[in-house]
Amino acid sequence: MAAAGCSPRRLLRVGQLADCLEDGRAKGLLVIGDALETARILMDLNFGTAPLKTGHGAEWPGGKDRTAFVRSCIRLIVNGIRAG
């Protein structure tokens, strides 16, 4: 995403993510379908079920380092599951 000119710290809404994805597609950096639908999918995958019920209230996976957890989720989505 940074290569597409988007800062992860500045993406707050689905529409902003869609704009970033569209920019990346226009620059030939991304191969995606509809940018808004792709943004919704990414947001759902990362944040839709993130708070877990552990018996101690809602908690985010990854503990206090939420940023690292979200980055690892995005890395998995971008790279997929593939052999070396």
Protein backbone atom coordinates (compact mmCIF):
# COMPACT_ATOMS: atom_id res chain seq x y z
CA MET A 1 0.00 0.00 0.00
CA ALA A 2 2.83 2.40 0.72
CA ALA A 3 4.04 1.86 -2.84
CA ALA A 4 0.62 2.99 -3.99
CA GLY A 5 1.15 6.26 -2.13
CA CYS A 6 -1.11 5.43 0.82
CA SER A 7 -0.13 5.59 4.44
CA PRO A 8 -1.67 2.91 6.70
CA ARG A 9 -1.84 5.51 9.47
CA ARG A 10 -4.12 7.71 7.34
CA LEU A 11 -6.65 5.11 6.23
CA LEU A 12 -9.69 5.55 8.44
CA ARG A 13 -12.68 4.67 6.28
CA VAL A 14 -13.64 2.14 3.65
CA GLY A 15 -13.92 4.91 1.06
CA GLN A 16 -10.38 6.06 1.75
CA LEU A 17 -9.08 2.52 1.41
CA ALA A 18 -11.03 2.13 -1.85
CA ASP A 19 -9.42 5.32 -3.20
CA CYS A 20 -5.99 3.98 -2.26
CA LEU A 21 -6.71 0.64 -3.93
CA GLU A 22 -7.92 2.42 -7.06
CA ASP A 23 -4.71 4.48 -7.14
CA GLY A 24 -2.67 1.28 -6.87
CA ARG A 25 -4.63 -0.30 -9.70
CA ALA A 26 -4.19 2.79 -11.90
CA LYS A 27 -0.42 2.64 -11.30
CA GLY A 28 -0.34 -1.05 -12.23
CA LEU A 29 0.61 -2.12 -8.71
CA LEU A 30 -2.59 -4.02 -7.91
CA VAL A 31 -4.83 -6.43 -9.75
CA ILE A 32 -8.24 -6.19 -8.09
CA GLY A 33 -11.91 -6.15 -9.01
CA ASP A 34 -14.13 -3.35 -7.76
CA ALA A 35 -12.06 -1.13 -5.46
CA LEU A 36 -14.89 -0.40 -3.02
CA GLU A 37 -15.87 -4.07 -2.72
CA THR A 38 -12.22 -5.03 -2.23
CA ALA A 39 -11.89 -2.37 0.48
CA ARG A 40 -14.99 -3.72 2.26
CA ILE A 41 -13.60 -7.25 2.14
CA LEU A 42 -10.25 -6.15 3.52
CA MET A 43 -11.88 -4.15 6.31
CA ASP A 44 -14.16 -7.06 7.21
CA LEU A 45 -11.27 -9.50 7.23
CA ASN A 46 -9.20 -7.25 9.46
CA PHE A 47 -11.76 -5.67 11.75
CA GLY A 48 -15.08 -7.49 11.38
CA THR A 49 -14.42 -10.17 13.95
CA ALA A 50 -11.31 -8.79 15.60
CA PRO A 51 -12.59 -8.22 19.14
CA LEU A 52 -12.66 -11.58 20.86
CA LYS A 53 -14.84 -12.59 23.74
CA THR A 54 -12.49 -14.10 26.30
CA GLY A 55 -14.65 -13.81 29.36
CA HIS A 56 -12.85 -10.60 30.30
CA GLY A 57 -14.65 -8.33 27.86
CA ALA A 58 -13.76 -7.66 24.26
CA GLU A 59 -10.05 -7.96 23.54
CA TRP A 60 -8.10 -7.52 20.34
CA PRO A 61 -5.91 -10.35 19.14
CA GLY A 62 -2.25 -9.50 19.29
CA GLY A 63 -2.53 -7.97 22.73
CA LYS A 64 -1.31 -4.43 23.11
CA ASP A 65 0.47 -4.43 19.75
CA ARG A 66 -2.66 -4.08 17.61
CA THR A 67 -0.72 -2.43 14.79
CA ALA A 68 1.59 -5.43 14.38
CA PHE A 69 -1.40 -7.77 14.39
CA VAL A 70 -3.26 -5.80 11.71
CA ARG A 71 -0.09 -5.61 9.59
CA SER A 72 0.33 -9.38 9.82
CA CYS A 73 -3.31 -9.81 8.73
CA ILE A 74 -2.78 -7.53 5.74
CA ARG A 75 0.48 -9.30 4.87
CA LEU A 76 -1.36 -12.64 4.87
CA ILE A 77 -4.12 -11.24 2.65
CA VAL A 78 -1.65 -9.68 0.20
CA ASN A 79 0.76 -12.60 0.02
CA GLY A 80 -1.75 -15.39 0.48
CA ILE A 81 -0.73 -18.77 1.71
CA ARG A 82 1.93 -20.12 -0.56
CA ALA A 83 5.04 -22.25 -0.40
CA GLY A 84 8.35 -20.38 -0.14
